[in-house]
């Protein structure tokens, strides 16, 4: 009987001690803050990192400027471009640029449904500002040969492709995502030696009176391009 009472007494004392320790742990414990799920980029490195290679691309809308015959015949649809670059020394690079552009009149009320595709491939040279900054500017100039192709022309064109030469200055203003990646907006101005003539495709019969058939077909093709751009540097060089 005494032994049972002793066991009960030990059990009660042990329970009280456990409860006391548990209450002490809860009293001294500091509540952990809720995790912060805000997406922020890591801070930039204190010193600039040199990368051997980079990729740049972008796309958006276009606005024809010259010649006037092009502006009254076709509207700008979109452009897409991509380049692979080798960084010669910090801030200076060269690479290969590829671009595709579409002009067209695909409205259901249009008297014709013609698309003009411009394909460019050439050499690119450029300069980028400091990689450790949150805002990165990339300036570049691309130039090389172009091919022009028409689809759905009222009068079948005598040649599947026409050739010309292009030159494009481009500016990218981009924000830092991490040490390698930047995303932002870009603006380009295309110079193309191709001279658009509505008579070549049979569009002239639908736009008579909207342009001078002599004066307004002499200018080269130029247009603005603006949209989103990406710049990604990789292959960090060892110091």
C-alpha atoms as a PDB file:
ATOM      1  CA  UNK A   1       0.000   0.000   0.000  1.00  0.00           C
ATOM      2  CA  UNK A   2       2.810   2.360   0.939  1.00  0.00           C
ATOM      3  CA  UNK A   3       4.672   1.377  -2.232  1.00  0.00           C
ATOM      4  CA  UNK A   4       1.650   2.266  -4.422  1.00  0.00           C
ATOM      5  CA  UNK A   5       1.281   5.636  -2.729  1.00  0.00           C
ATOM      6  CA  UNK A   6       4.961   6.252  -3.307  1.00  0.00           C
ATOM      7  CA  UNK A   7       4.605   5.485  -7.037  1.00  0.00           C
ATOM      8  CA  UNK A   8       1.581   7.793  -7.319  1.00  0.00           C
ATOM      9  CA  UNK A   9       3.513  10.551  -5.519  1.00  0.00           C
ATOM     10  CA  UNK A  10       6.492  10.180  -7.921  1.00  0.00           C
ATOM     11  CA  UNK A  11       4.148  10.273 -10.937  1.00  0.00           C
ATOM     12  CA  UNK A  12       2.419  13.415  -9.680  1.00  0.00           C
ATOM     13  CA  UNK A  13       5.742  15.162  -8.951  1.00  0.00           C
ATOM     14  CA  UNK A  14       7.108  14.190 -12.394  1.00  0.00           C
ATOM     15  CA  UNK A  15       4.005  15.519 -14.111  1.00  0.00           C
ATOM     16  CA  UNK A  16       4.199  18.814 -12.230  1.00  0.00           C
ATOM     17  CA  UNK A  17       7.892  19.212 -13.094  1.00  0.00           C
ATOM     18  CA  UNK A  18       7.201  18.503 -16.795  1.00  0.00           C
ATOM     19  CA  UNK A  19       4.377  21.021 -16.891  1.00  0.00           C
ATOM     20  CA  UNK A  20       6.590  23.599 -15.200  1.00  0.00           C
ATOM     21  CA  UNK A  21       9.391  23.101 -17.741  1.00  0.00           C
ATOM     22  CA  UNK A  22       6.945  23.269 -20.626  1.00  0.00           C
ATOM     23  CA  UNK A  23       5.458  26.506 -19.305  1.00  0.00           C
ATOM     24  CA  UNK A  24       8.921  27.995 -18.888  1.00  0.00           C
ATOM     25  CA  UNK A  25       9.834  27.110 -22.478  1.00  0.00           C
ATOM     26  CA  UNK A  26       6.657  28.756 -23.831  1.00  0.00           C
ATOM     27  CA  UNK A  27       7.242  31.854 -21.715  1.00  0.00           C
ATOM     28  CA  UNK A  28      10.794  32.433 -22.960  1.00  0.00           C
ATOM     29  CA  UNK A  29      10.118  31.454 -26.558  1.00  0.00           C
ATOM     30  CA  UNK A  30       9.949  34.321 -29.060  1.00  0.00           C
ATOM     31  CA  UNK A  31       7.361  33.962 -31.780  1.00  0.00           C
ATOM     32  CA  UNK A  32       8.991  33.525 -35.184  1.00  0.00           C
ATOM     33  CA  UNK A  33       8.010  36.137 -37.725  1.00  0.00           C
ATOM     34  CA  UNK A  34       6.017  35.146 -40.797  1.00  0.00           C
ATOM     35  CA  UNK A  35       8.216  34.442 -43.834  1.00  0.00           C
ATOM     36  CA  UNK A  36       8.510  37.298 -46.297  1.00  0.00           C
ATOM     37  CA  UNK A  37       7.469  36.112 -49.773  1.00  0.00           C
ATOM     38  CA  UNK A  38       8.197  39.436 -51.489  1.00  0.00           C
ATOM     39  CA  UNK A  39      10.131  38.810 -54.712  1.00  0.00           C
ATOM     40  CA  UNK A  40      13.175  41.054 -54.732  1.00  0.00           C
ATOM     41  CA  UNK A  41      16.411  40.673 -56.639  1.00  0.00           C
ATOM     42  CA  UNK A  42      19.571  39.972 -54.636  1.00  0.00           C
ATOM     43  CA  UNK A  43      21.862  42.949 -54.091  1.00  0.00           C
ATOM     44  CA  UNK A  44      24.384  43.588 -56.872  1.00  0.00           C
ATOM     45  CA  UNK A  45      27.970  42.449 -56.349  1.00  0.00           C
ATOM     46  CA  UNK A  46      30.372  45.078 -54.956  1.00  0.00           C
ATOM     47  CA  UNK A  47      32.688  44.625 -57.949  1.00  0.00           C
ATOM     48  CA  UNK A  48      31.810  44.251 -61.595  1.00  0.00           C
ATOM     49  CA  UNK A  49      31.726  40.717 -62.968  1.00  0.00           C
ATOM     50  CA  UNK A  50      33.150  40.047 -66.431  1.00  0.00           C
ATOM     51  CA  UNK A  51      31.296  37.527 -68.580  1.00  0.00           C
ATOM     52  CA  UNK A  52      32.640  36.079 -71.833  1.00  0.00           C
ATOM     53  CA  UNK A  53      29.312  35.623 -73.623  1.00  0.00           C
ATOM     54  CA  UNK A  54      25.852  37.127 -73.751  1.00  0.00           C
ATOM     55  CA  UNK A  55      22.498  36.638 -75.456  1.00  0.00           C
ATOM     56  CA  UNK A  56      20.141  39.448 -76.351  1.00  0.00           C
ATOM     57  CA  UNK A  57      16.637  39.261 -77.746  1.00  0.00           C
ATOM     58  CA  UNK A  58      13.390  41.135 -77.964  1.00  0.00           C
ATOM     59  CA  UNK A  59      10.220  41.808 -79.845  1.00  0.00           C
ATOM     60  CA  UNK A  60       7.333  44.196 -80.183  1.00  0.00           C
ATOM     61  CA  UNK A  61       5.523  46.411 -82.647  1.00  0.00           C
ATOM     62  CA  UNK A  62       6.727  48.454 -85.604  1.00  0.00           C
ATOM     63  CA  UNK A  63       5.717  51.743 -87.189  1.00  0.00           C
ATOM     64  CA  UNK A  64       6.606  52.424 -90.848  1.00  0.00           C
ATOM     65  CA  UNK A  65       8.190  55.815 -91.583  1.00  0.00           C
ATOM     66  CA  UNK A  66       9.341  55.700 -95.230  1.00  0.00           C
ATOM     67  CA  UNK A  67       8.711  55.368 -98.009  1.00  0.00           C
ATOM     68  CA  UNK A  68       5.218  56.835 -98.124  1.00  0.00           C
ATOM     69  CA  UNK A  69       3.951  54.155-100.505  1.00  0.00           C
ATOM     70  CA  UNK A  70       4.725  51.512 -97.886  1.00  0.00           C
ATOM     71  CA  UNK A  71       2.919  53.435 -95.164  1.00  0.00           C
ATOM     72  CA  UNK A  72      -0.324  53.687 -97.147  1.00  0.00           C
ATOM     73  CA  UNK A  73      -0.147  50.104 -98.453  1.00  0.00           C
ATOM     74  CA  UNK A  74       0.849  47.986 -95.461  1.00  0.00           C
ATOM     75  CA  UNK A  75       0.885  48.385 -91.691  1.00  0.00           C
ATOM     76  CA  UNK A  76       3.487  47.125 -89.279  1.00  0.00           C
ATOM     77  CA  UNK A  77       2.598  43.921 -87.448  1.00  0.00           C
ATOM     78  CA  UNK A  78       5.505  42.771 -85.262  1.00  0.00           C
ATOM     79  CA  UNK A  79       9.256  42.201 -85.087  1.00  0.00           C
ATOM     80  CA  UNK A  80      11.386  39.592 -83.300  1.00  0.00           C
ATOM     81  CA  UNK A  81      15.163  39.582 -83.010  1.00  0.00           C
ATOM     82  CA  UNK A  82      17.919  37.558 -81.356  1.00  0.00           C
ATOM     83  CA  UNK A  83      21.697  37.777 -81.125  1.00  0.00           C
ATOM     84  CA  UNK A  84      24.543  35.743 -79.696  1.00  0.00           C
ATOM     85  CA  UNK A  85      27.442  37.933 -78.549  1.00  0.00           C
ATOM     86  CA  UNK A  86      31.100  37.486 -77.613  1.00  0.00           C
ATOM     87  CA  UNK A  87      32.384  40.076 -75.141  1.00  0.00           C
ATOM     88  CA  UNK A  88      35.754  41.267 -76.418  1.00  0.00           C
ATOM     89  CA  UNK A  89      36.708  43.338 -73.365  1.00  0.00           C
ATOM     90  CA  UNK A  90      34.563  44.638 -70.488  1.00  0.00           C
ATOM     91  CA  UNK A  91      31.670  46.687 -71.944  1.00  0.00           C
ATOM     92  CA  UNK A  92      32.402  45.957 -75.636  1.00  0.00           C
ATOM     93  CA  UNK A  93      30.984  43.013 -77.595  1.00  0.00           C
ATOM     94  CA  UNK A  94      30.347  41.702 -81.089  1.00  0.00           C
ATOM     95  CA  UNK A  95      28.004  39.031 -82.354  1.00  0.00           C
ATOM     96  CA  UNK A  96      25.516  37.766 -84.923  1.00  0.00           C
ATOM     97  CA  UNK A  97      22.049  39.314 -85.187  1.00  0.00           C
ATOM     98  CA  UNK A  98      18.918  37.690 -86.641  1.00  0.00           C
ATOM     99  CA  UNK A  99      15.591  39.459 -87.086  1.00  0.00           C
ATOM    100  CA  UNK A 100      12.198  38.793 -88.615  1.00  0.00           C
ATOM    101  CA  UNK A 101       9.616  41.509 -89.350  1.00  0.00           C
ATOM    102  CA  UNK A 102       6.086  41.310 -90.710  1.00  0.00           C
ATOM    103  CA  UNK A 103       4.033  43.947 -92.511  1.00  0.00           C
ATOM    104  CA  UNK A 104       0.526  43.277 -93.665  1.00  0.00           C
ATOM    105  CA  UNK A 105      -3.069  44.198 -94.213  1.00  0.00           C
ATOM    106  CA  UNK A 106      -5.155  41.378 -92.787  1.00  0.00           C
ATOM    107  CA  UNK A 107      -8.329  43.305 -92.001  1.00  0.00           C
ATOM    108  CA  UNK A 108     -11.533  41.629 -93.146  1.00  0.00           C
ATOM    109  CA  UNK A 109     -12.619  44.879 -94.808  1.00  0.00           C
ATOM    110  CA  UNK A 110      -9.384  45.323 -96.746  1.00  0.00           C
ATOM    111  CA  UNK A 111      -9.542  44.884-100.496  1.00  0.00           C
ATOM    112  CA  UNK A 112      -6.367  42.786-100.367  1.00  0.00           C
ATOM    113  CA  UNK A 113      -4.696  40.490 -97.861  1.00  0.00           C
ATOM    114  CA  UNK A 114      -0.962  40.769 -98.437  1.00  0.00           C
ATOM    115  CA  UNK A 115       1.912  40.072 -96.072  1.00  0.00           C
ATOM    116  CA  UNK A 116       5.490  41.288 -96.475  1.00  0.00           C
ATOM    117  CA  UNK A 117       8.193  39.520 -94.460  1.00  0.00           C
ATOM    118  CA  UNK A 118      11.648  41.016 -93.946  1.00  0.00           C
ATOM    119  CA  UNK A 119      14.438  38.691 -92.751  1.00  0.00           C
ATOM    120  CA  UNK A 120      17.739  40.162 -91.588  1.00  0.00           C
ATOM    121  CA  UNK A 121      21.012  38.465 -90.636  1.00  0.00           C
ATOM    122  CA  UNK A 122      24.185  40.369 -89.921  1.00  0.00           C
ATOM    123  CA  UNK A 123      27.006  41.447 -87.668  1.00  0.00           C
ATOM    124  CA  UNK A 124      26.348  43.225 -84.392  1.00  0.00           C
ATOM    125  CA  UNK A 125      28.651  45.457 -82.344  1.00  0.00           C
ATOM    126  CA  UNK A 126      27.676  46.975 -79.029  1.00  0.00           C
ATOM    127  CA  UNK A 127      28.454  48.524 -75.677  1.00  0.00           C
ATOM    128  CA  UNK A 128      26.894  47.833 -72.279  1.00  0.00           C
ATOM    129  CA  UNK A 129      27.143  49.880 -69.083  1.00  0.00           C
ATOM    130  CA  UNK A 130      28.159  48.573 -65.653  1.00  0.00           C
ATOM    131  CA  UNK A 131      26.774  45.128 -64.769  1.00  0.00           C
ATOM    132  CA  UNK A 132      26.766  45.799 -61.012  1.00  0.00           C
ATOM    133  CA  UNK A 133      24.212  48.594 -61.385  1.00  0.00           C
ATOM    134  CA  UNK A 134      20.475  47.965 -61.068  1.00  0.00           C
ATOM    135  CA  UNK A 135      19.841  49.727 -64.404  1.00  0.00           C
ATOM    136  CA  UNK A 136      21.759  48.473 -67.438  1.00  0.00           C
ATOM    137  CA  UNK A 137      21.856  50.182 -70.840  1.00  0.00           C
ATOM    138  CA  UNK A 138      22.918  48.248 -73.932  1.00  0.00           C
ATOM    139  CA  UNK A 139      23.705  50.147 -77.155  1.00  0.00           C
ATOM    140  CA  UNK A 140      24.265  48.227 -80.376  1.00  0.00           C
ATOM    141  CA  UNK A 141      24.440  48.540 -84.150  1.00  0.00           C
ATOM    142  CA  UNK A 142      23.597  45.682 -86.522  1.00  0.00           C
ATOM    143  CA  UNK A 143      24.114  45.553 -90.296  1.00  0.00           C
ATOM    144  CA  UNK A 144      24.050  42.981 -93.067  1.00  0.00           C
ATOM    145  CA  UNK A 145      21.916  41.491 -95.860  1.00  0.00           C
ATOM    146  CA  UNK A 146      18.097  41.310 -95.949  1.00  0.00           C
ATOM    147  CA  UNK A 147      15.577  39.174 -97.784  1.00  0.00           C
ATOM    148  CA  UNK A 148      12.018  40.349 -98.522  1.00  0.00           C
ATOM    149  CA  UNK A 149       9.195  37.925 -99.269  1.00  0.00           C
ATOM    150  CA  UNK A 150       5.526  38.568-100.131  1.00  0.00           C
ATOM    151  CA  UNK A 151       2.593  36.281 -99.366  1.00  0.00           C
ATOM    152  CA  UNK A 152      -0.911  36.758-100.788  1.00  0.00           C
ATOM    153  CA  UNK A 153      -0.037  39.543-103.235  1.00  0.00           C
ATOM    154  CA  UNK A 154      -2.850  40.490-105.671  1.00  0.00           C
ATOM    155  CA  UNK A 155      -0.357  40.092-108.504  1.00  0.00           C
ATOM    156  CA  UNK A 156       2.157  37.272-108.019  1.00  0.00           C
ATOM    157  CA  UNK A 157       5.602  38.800-107.647  1.00  0.00           C
ATOM    158  CA  UNK A 158       8.162  37.784-110.277  1.00  0.00           C
ATOM    159  CA  UNK A 159      10.696  36.687-107.659  1.00  0.00           C
ATOM    160  CA  UNK A 160      10.182  34.661-104.486  1.00  0.00           C
ATOM    161  CA  UNK A 161      12.701  36.809-102.625  1.00  0.00           C
ATOM    162  CA  UNK A 162      14.199  40.251-103.052  1.00  0.00           C
ATOM    163  CA  UNK A 163      17.468  41.248-101.427  1.00  0.00           C
ATOM    164  CA  UNK A 164      18.716  44.439 -99.820  1.00  0.00           C
ATOM    165  CA  UNK A 165      20.968  45.705 -97.009  1.00  0.00           C
ATOM    166  CA  UNK A 166      19.908  46.753 -93.509  1.00  0.00           C
ATOM    167  CA  UNK A 167      21.374  48.733 -90.614  1.00  0.00           C
ATOM    168  CA  UNK A 168      19.757  49.010 -87.179  1.00  0.00           C
ATOM    169  CA  UNK A 169      20.794  50.988 -84.090  1.00  0.00           C
ATOM    170  CA  UNK A 170      19.217  49.588 -80.914  1.00  0.00           C
ATOM    171  CA  UNK A 171      18.974  50.812 -77.308  1.00  0.00           C
ATOM    172  CA  UNK A 172      17.917  48.551 -74.430  1.00  0.00           C
ATOM    173  CA  UNK A 173      17.127  49.991 -70.981  1.00  0.00           C
ATOM    174  CA  UNK A 174      16.878  47.036 -68.622  1.00  0.00           C
ATOM    175  CA  UNK A 175      16.450  46.329 -64.911  1.00  0.00           C
ATOM    176  CA  UNK A 176      18.469  43.837 -62.919  1.00  0.00           C
ATOM    177  CA  UNK A 177      16.885  40.474 -62.087  1.00  0.00           C
ATOM    178  CA  UNK A 178      20.126  38.887 -60.858  1.00  0.00           C
ATOM    179  CA  UNK A 179      23.850  39.128 -61.633  1.00  0.00           C
ATOM    180  CA  UNK A 180      23.385  37.718 -65.162  1.00  0.00           C
ATOM    181  CA  UNK A 181      19.859  38.605 -66.295  1.00  0.00           C
ATOM    182  CA  UNK A 182      18.307  41.961 -67.270  1.00  0.00           C
ATOM    183  CA  UNK A 183      14.779  42.621 -68.594  1.00  0.00           C
ATOM    184  CA  UNK A 184      13.533  45.946 -69.942  1.00  0.00           C
ATOM    185  CA  UNK A 185      12.311  47.947 -72.910  1.00  0.00           C
ATOM    186  CA  UNK A 186      14.060  48.577 -76.210  1.00  0.00           C
ATOM    187  CA  UNK A 187      13.865  50.965 -79.146  1.00  0.00           C
ATOM    188  CA  UNK A 188      15.319  50.473 -82.631  1.00  0.00           C
ATOM    189  CA  UNK A 189      15.275  52.310 -85.927  1.00  0.00           C
ATOM    190  CA  UNK A 190      15.571  50.204 -89.054  1.00  0.00           C
ATOM    191  CA  UNK A 191      17.255  51.423 -92.238  1.00  0.00           C
ATOM    192  CA  UNK A 192      16.714  49.101 -95.205  1.00  0.00           C
ATOM    193  CA  UNK A 193      17.862  49.857 -98.753  1.00  0.00           C
ATOM    194  CA  UNK A 194      14.739  48.165-100.159  1.00  0.00           C
ATOM    195  CA  UNK A 195      12.395  50.514-102.056  1.00  0.00           C
ATOM    196  CA  UNK A 196       8.778  49.468-101.753  1.00  0.00           C
ATOM    197  CA  UNK A 197       6.582  49.831-104.856  1.00  0.00           C
ATOM    198  CA  UNK A 198       2.835  48.928-104.669  1.00  0.00           C
ATOM    199  CA  UNK A 199       2.850  48.170-108.397  1.00  0.00           C
ATOM    200  CA  UNK A 200       5.283  45.292-107.849  1.00  0.00           C
ATOM    201  CA  UNK A 201       2.689  43.310-105.908  1.00  0.00           C
ATOM    202  CA  UNK A 202      -0.492  44.610-107.518  1.00  0.00           C
ATOM    203  CA  UNK A 203      -1.502  46.683-104.481  1.00  0.00           C
ATOM    204  CA  UNK A 204      -1.270  49.928-106.495  1.00  0.00           C
ATOM    205  CA  UNK A 205      -4.771  49.457-107.934  1.00  0.00           C
ATOM    206  CA  UNK A 206      -6.248  49.594-104.416  1.00  0.00           C
ATOM    207  CA  UNK A 207      -4.312  52.626-103.119  1.00  0.00           C
ATOM    208  CA  UNK A 208      -4.396  54.896-106.171  1.00  0.00           C
ATOM    209  CA  UNK A 209      -4.529  58.556-105.210  1.00  0.00           C
ATOM    210  CA  UNK A 210      -3.016  57.997-101.750  1.00  0.00           C
ATOM    211  CA  UNK A 211       0.592  58.420-102.877  1.00  0.00           C
ATOM    212  CA  UNK A 212       2.604  59.908-105.710  1.00  0.00           C
ATOM    213  CA  UNK A 213       3.611  56.996-108.002  1.00  0.00           C
ATOM    214  CA  UNK A 214       6.874  58.764-108.836  1.00  0.00           C
ATOM    215  CA  UNK A 215       8.000  60.681-105.763  1.00  0.00           C
ATOM    216  CA  UNK A 216       6.684  58.436-102.975  1.00  0.00           C
ATOM    217  CA  UNK A 217       8.362  55.209-104.077  1.00  0.00           C
ATOM    218  CA  UNK A 218      11.923  56.551-104.243  1.00  0.00           C
ATOM    219  CA  UNK A 219      12.694  56.489-100.514  1.00  0.00           C
ATOM    220  CA  UNK A 220      14.257  53.525 -98.758  1.00  0.00           C
ATOM    221  CA  UNK A 221      12.346  51.506 -96.158  1.00  0.00           C
ATOM    222  CA  UNK A 222      12.641  52.799 -92.580  1.00  0.00           C
ATOM    223  CA  UNK A 223      10.599  52.075 -89.470  1.00  0.00           C
ATOM    224  CA  UNK A 224      10.620  52.321 -85.689  1.00  0.00           C
ATOM    225  CA  UNK A 225      10.632  49.193 -83.536  1.00  0.00           C
ATOM    226  CA  UNK A 226       9.805  49.207 -79.839  1.00  0.00           C
ATOM    227  CA  UNK A 227       8.971  46.508 -77.332  1.00  0.00           C
ATOM    228  CA  UNK A 228      10.474  44.343 -74.594  1.00  0.00           C
ATOM    229  CA  UNK A 229      14.065  43.147 -74.499  1.00  0.00           C
ATOM    230  CA  UNK A 230      16.228  40.695 -72.549  1.00  0.00           C
ATOM    231  CA  UNK A 231      19.980  40.666 -71.958  1.00  0.00           C
ATOM    232  CA  UNK A 232      21.621  37.596 -70.387  1.00  0.00           C
ATOM    233  CA  UNK A 233      25.354  37.393 -69.714  1.00  0.00           C
ATOM    234  CA  UNK A 234      27.001  34.057 -68.872  1.00  0.00           C
ATOM    235  CA  UNK A 235      30.330  32.188 -68.668  1.00  0.00           C
ATOM    236  CA  UNK A 236      31.890  34.294 -65.915  1.00  0.00           C
ATOM    237  CA  UNK A 237      35.616  34.784 -66.485  1.00  0.00           C
ATOM    238  CA  UNK A 238      37.914  33.772 -63.652  1.00  0.00           C
ATOM    239  CA  UNK A 239      40.020  36.525 -62.172  1.00  0.00           C
END
